């Protein structure tokens, strides 16, 4: 789990979520959640950012820069039609 601030100063948390089912390939994906204190609670799933194992997902998330996290958030919010960073 990683905390970061978007371009507008809103706090977000990046984490890994797991998709159930029989197929284990690409089971884990990136999930971004707006922090509660900012009136957030908004969840944005990035289904195109996937990993095969929890270990790999956590390692990758831990090495992602804040710039990369902001870029992914902007992209996801743009696709969903939401206003964002």
N, C-alpha and C. Protein backbone atom coordinates (compact mmCIF):
# COMPACT_ATOMS: atom_id res chain seq x y z
N UNK A 1 0.84 -1.17 0.00
CA UNK A 1 0.00 0.00 0.00
C UNK A 1 0.89 1.24 0.00
N UNK A 2 0.53 2.21 -0.86
CA UNK A 2 1.30 3.45 -0.97
C UNK A 2 0.36 4.63 -0.88
N UNK A 3 0.73 5.63 -0.11
CA UNK A 3 -0.03 6.86 -0.05
C UNK A 3 0.66 7.89 -0.93
N UNK A 4 -0.15 8.70 -1.64
CA UNK A 4 0.40 9.76 -2.46
C UNK A 4 -0.64 10.87 -2.59
N UNK A 5 -0.20 12.01 -3.08
CA UNK A 5 -1.06 13.17 -3.27
C UNK A 5 -1.13 13.47 -4.75
N UNK A 6 -2.35 13.69 -5.26
CA UNK A 6 -2.48 14.01 -6.68
C UNK A 6 -2.11 15.47 -6.95
N UNK A 7 -2.23 15.90 -8.18
CA UNK A 7 -1.86 17.25 -8.57
C UNK A 7 -2.70 18.35 -7.93
N UNK A 8 -3.85 17.99 -7.40
CA UNK A 8 -4.73 18.96 -6.74
C UNK A 8 -4.59 18.95 -5.22
N UNK A 9 -3.70 18.12 -4.72
CA UNK A 9 -3.47 18.05 -3.28
C UNK A 9 -4.36 17.06 -2.55
N UNK A 10 -5.12 16.25 -3.29
CA UNK A 10 -5.98 15.24 -2.67
C UNK A 10 -5.17 13.98 -2.37
N UNK A 11 -5.40 13.43 -1.20
CA UNK A 11 -4.68 12.22 -0.79
C UNK A 11 -5.32 10.97 -1.40
N UNK A 12 -4.48 10.07 -1.86
CA UNK A 12 -4.90 8.80 -2.44
C UNK A 12 -4.06 7.68 -1.86
N UNK A 13 -4.60 6.48 -1.92
CA UNK A 13 -3.88 5.28 -1.50
C UNK A 13 -3.88 4.30 -2.67
N UNK A 14 -2.71 3.85 -3.05
CA UNK A 14 -2.56 2.84 -4.10
C UNK A 14 -2.34 1.50 -3.43
N UNK A 15 -3.09 0.51 -3.85
CA UNK A 15 -2.95 -0.82 -3.27
C UNK A 15 -3.18 -1.88 -4.34
N UNK A 16 -3.09 -3.12 -3.93
CA UNK A 16 -3.27 -4.25 -4.83
C UNK A 16 -4.56 -4.95 -4.45
N UNK A 17 -5.39 -5.24 -5.45
CA UNK A 17 -6.62 -5.99 -5.22
C UNK A 17 -6.52 -7.31 -5.98
N UNK A 18 -7.33 -8.26 -5.56
CA UNK A 18 -7.30 -9.59 -6.17
C UNK A 18 -8.65 -9.90 -6.80
N UNK A 19 -8.59 -10.40 -8.02
CA UNK A 19 -9.79 -10.82 -8.72
C UNK A 19 -9.95 -12.31 -8.54
N UNK A 20 -11.10 -12.73 -8.09
CA UNK A 20 -11.34 -14.15 -7.86
C UNK A 20 -11.55 -14.89 -9.17
N UNK A 21 -11.69 -16.18 -9.06
CA UNK A 21 -11.92 -17.00 -10.24
C UNK A 21 -10.85 -18.06 -10.38
N UNK A 22 -11.03 -18.89 -11.38
CA UNK A 22 -10.12 -20.00 -11.59
C UNK A 22 -8.83 -19.65 -12.29
N UNK A 23 -8.80 -18.53 -13.00
CA UNK A 23 -7.60 -18.16 -13.75
C UNK A 23 -6.66 -17.35 -12.86
N UNK A 24 -5.45 -17.84 -12.68
CA UNK A 24 -4.49 -17.16 -11.81
C UNK A 24 -3.62 -16.16 -12.55
N UNK A 25 -3.63 -16.21 -13.87
CA UNK A 25 -2.79 -15.29 -14.64
C UNK A 25 -3.40 -13.88 -14.59
N UNK A 26 -2.61 -12.94 -14.12
CA UNK A 26 -3.09 -11.57 -14.02
C UNK A 26 -4.16 -11.37 -12.98
N UNK A 27 -4.12 -12.15 -11.94
CA UNK A 27 -5.16 -12.13 -10.91
C UNK A 27 -5.14 -10.85 -10.08
N UNK A 28 -3.99 -10.24 -9.89
CA UNK A 28 -3.85 -9.06 -9.05
C UNK A 28 -3.79 -7.79 -9.91
N UNK A 29 -4.44 -6.73 -9.43
CA UNK A 29 -4.48 -5.49 -10.21
C UNK A 29 -4.35 -4.28 -9.29
N UNK A 30 -4.09 -3.13 -9.89
CA UNK A 30 -3.87 -1.88 -9.16
C UNK A 30 -5.21 -1.24 -8.80
N UNK A 31 -5.33 -0.81 -7.56
CA UNK A 31 -6.53 -0.14 -7.07
C UNK A 31 -6.13 1.17 -6.42
N UNK A 32 -6.76 2.26 -6.81
CA UNK A 32 -6.50 3.58 -6.23
C UNK A 32 -7.76 4.04 -5.50
N UNK A 33 -7.58 4.49 -4.26
CA UNK A 33 -8.70 4.92 -3.44
C UNK A 33 -8.44 6.31 -2.87
N UNK A 34 -9.45 7.18 -2.99
CA UNK A 34 -9.36 8.50 -2.39
C UNK A 34 -9.39 8.38 -0.88
N UNK A 35 -8.54 9.14 -0.21
CA UNK A 35 -8.47 9.07 1.25
C UNK A 35 -9.75 9.64 1.87
N UNK A 36 -10.18 9.07 2.95
CA UNK A 36 -11.42 9.46 3.61
C UNK A 36 -11.42 10.92 4.07
N UNK A 37 -10.30 11.40 4.57
CA UNK A 37 -10.25 12.76 5.13
C UNK A 37 -10.48 13.83 4.07
N UNK A 38 -10.32 13.50 2.81
CA UNK A 38 -10.53 14.46 1.73
C UNK A 38 -11.92 14.33 1.13
N UNK A 39 -12.82 13.68 1.86
CA UNK A 39 -14.15 13.47 1.32
C UNK A 39 -14.13 12.44 0.21
N UNK A 40 -13.09 11.64 0.22
CA UNK A 40 -12.87 10.68 -0.85
C UNK A 40 -13.74 9.46 -0.71
N UNK A 41 -13.11 8.36 -0.59
CA UNK A 41 -13.83 7.10 -0.60
C UNK A 41 -14.05 6.62 -2.03
N UNK A 42 -13.59 7.40 -2.99
CA UNK A 42 -13.72 7.03 -4.40
C UNK A 42 -12.71 5.94 -4.72
N UNK A 43 -13.15 4.94 -5.45
CA UNK A 43 -12.28 3.83 -5.83
C UNK A 43 -12.15 3.76 -7.34
N UNK A 44 -10.93 3.61 -7.79
CA UNK A 44 -10.65 3.49 -9.22
C UNK A 44 -9.81 2.24 -9.42
N UNK A 45 -10.37 1.25 -10.10
CA UNK A 45 -9.64 0.02 -10.40
C UNK A 45 -8.96 0.16 -11.75
N UNK A 46 -7.70 -0.16 -11.80
CA UNK A 46 -6.95 -0.14 -13.06
C UNK A 46 -6.75 -1.58 -13.51
N UNK A 47 -7.73 -2.10 -14.19
CA UNK A 47 -7.71 -3.51 -14.60
C UNK A 47 -6.64 -3.80 -15.64
N UNK A 48 -6.09 -2.76 -16.26
CA UNK A 48 -5.04 -2.98 -17.26
C UNK A 48 -3.65 -3.08 -16.64
N UNK A 49 -3.54 -2.82 -15.34
CA UNK A 49 -2.27 -2.95 -14.62
C UNK A 49 -2.40 -4.21 -13.77
N UNK A 50 -1.83 -5.31 -14.24
CA UNK A 50 -2.03 -6.62 -13.61
C UNK A 50 -0.71 -7.33 -13.32
N UNK A 51 -0.78 -8.19 -12.31
CA UNK A 51 0.36 -9.02 -11.94
C UNK A 51 -0.11 -10.44 -11.69
N UNK A 52 0.82 -11.38 -11.81
CA UNK A 52 0.47 -12.78 -11.59
C UNK A 52 0.60 -13.21 -10.14
N UNK A 53 1.38 -12.47 -9.35
CA UNK A 53 1.53 -12.86 -7.94
C UNK A 53 1.46 -11.63 -7.05
N UNK A 54 1.05 -11.84 -5.83
CA UNK A 54 0.96 -10.77 -4.85
C UNK A 54 2.34 -10.21 -4.54
N UNK A 55 3.33 -11.09 -4.48
CA UNK A 55 4.70 -10.65 -4.20
C UNK A 55 5.19 -9.67 -5.27
N UNK A 56 4.98 -10.01 -6.52
CA UNK A 56 5.40 -9.13 -7.62
C UNK A 56 4.62 -7.83 -7.61
N UNK A 57 3.33 -7.92 -7.35
CA UNK A 57 2.49 -6.72 -7.30
C UNK A 57 2.97 -5.76 -6.21
N UNK A 58 3.23 -6.28 -5.04
CA UNK A 58 3.69 -5.42 -3.94
C UNK A 58 5.06 -4.82 -4.22
N UNK A 59 5.93 -5.61 -4.80
CA UNK A 59 7.26 -5.10 -5.13
C UNK A 59 7.17 -3.98 -6.17
N UNK A 60 6.37 -4.18 -7.19
CA UNK A 60 6.21 -3.17 -8.23
C UNK A 60 5.58 -1.91 -7.68
N UNK A 61 4.54 -2.05 -6.89
CA UNK A 61 3.88 -0.90 -6.29
C UNK A 61 4.85 -0.13 -5.39
N UNK A 62 5.69 -0.84 -4.68
CA UNK A 62 6.66 -0.19 -3.81
C UNK A 62 7.73 0.59 -4.54
N UNK A 63 7.96 0.25 -5.81
CA UNK A 63 8.99 0.94 -6.58
C UNK A 63 8.42 1.98 -7.54
N UNK A 64 7.11 2.07 -7.65
CA UNK A 64 6.50 3.07 -8.55
C UNK A 64 6.71 4.46 -7.98
N UNK A 65 7.06 5.39 -8.84
CA UNK A 65 7.25 6.78 -8.41
C UNK A 65 5.89 7.46 -8.23
N UNK A 66 5.90 8.55 -7.49
CA UNK A 66 4.68 9.34 -7.31
C UNK A 66 4.21 9.88 -8.65
N UNK A 67 5.13 10.23 -9.51
CA UNK A 67 4.78 10.72 -10.85
C UNK A 67 4.01 9.65 -11.61
N UNK A 68 4.48 8.41 -11.54
CA UNK A 68 3.81 7.30 -12.21
C UNK A 68 2.41 7.07 -11.62
N UNK A 69 2.30 7.10 -10.31
CA UNK A 69 1.00 6.91 -9.66
C UNK A 69 0.02 8.02 -10.07
N UNK A 70 0.49 9.25 -10.12
CA UNK A 70 -0.37 10.36 -10.56
C UNK A 70 -0.80 10.18 -12.02
N UNK A 71 0.12 9.75 -12.85
CA UNK A 71 -0.19 9.54 -14.27
C UNK A 71 -1.26 8.45 -14.43
N UNK A 72 -1.09 7.36 -13.69
CA UNK A 72 -2.07 6.27 -13.75
C UNK A 72 -3.43 6.74 -13.25
N UNK A 73 -3.44 7.54 -12.19
CA UNK A 73 -4.70 8.07 -11.66
C UNK A 73 -5.38 8.97 -12.68
N UNK A 74 -4.65 9.90 -13.27
CA UNK A 74 -5.22 10.80 -14.29
C UNK A 74 -5.82 10.00 -15.44
N UNK A 75 -5.11 8.99 -15.87
CA UNK A 75 -5.58 8.16 -16.98
C UNK A 75 -6.88 7.45 -16.60
N UNK A 76 -6.90 6.86 -15.42
CA UNK A 76 -8.09 6.12 -14.99
C UNK A 76 -9.29 7.04 -14.80
N UNK A 77 -9.06 8.21 -14.22
CA UNK A 77 -10.16 9.16 -14.02
C UNK A 77 -10.64 9.71 -15.35
N UNK A 78 -9.74 9.91 -16.29
CA UNK A 78 -10.12 10.38 -17.62
C UNK A 78 -11.00 9.38 -18.34
N UNK A 79 -10.66 8.08 -18.21
CA UNK A 79 -11.46 7.03 -18.85
C UNK A 79 -12.83 6.90 -18.22
N UNK A 80 -12.88 7.16 -16.89
CA UNK A 80 -14.17 7.00 -16.20
C UNK A 80 -15.02 8.26 -16.26
N UNK A 81 -14.46 9.32 -16.85
CA UNK A 81 -15.22 10.57 -16.96
C UNK A 81 -15.22 11.41 -15.70
N UNK A 82 -14.37 11.04 -14.73
CA UNK A 82 -14.32 11.79 -13.47
C UNK A 82 -13.35 12.93 -13.54
N UNK A 83 -13.50 13.87 -12.62
CA UNK A 83 -12.51 14.94 -12.55
C UNK A 83 -11.39 14.48 -11.65
N UNK A 84 -10.20 14.86 -11.98
CA UNK A 84 -9.08 14.37 -11.19
C UNK A 84 -7.92 15.30 -11.19
N UNK A 85 -6.81 14.74 -10.81
CA UNK A 85 -5.59 15.48 -10.60
C UNK A 85 -5.15 16.17 -11.84
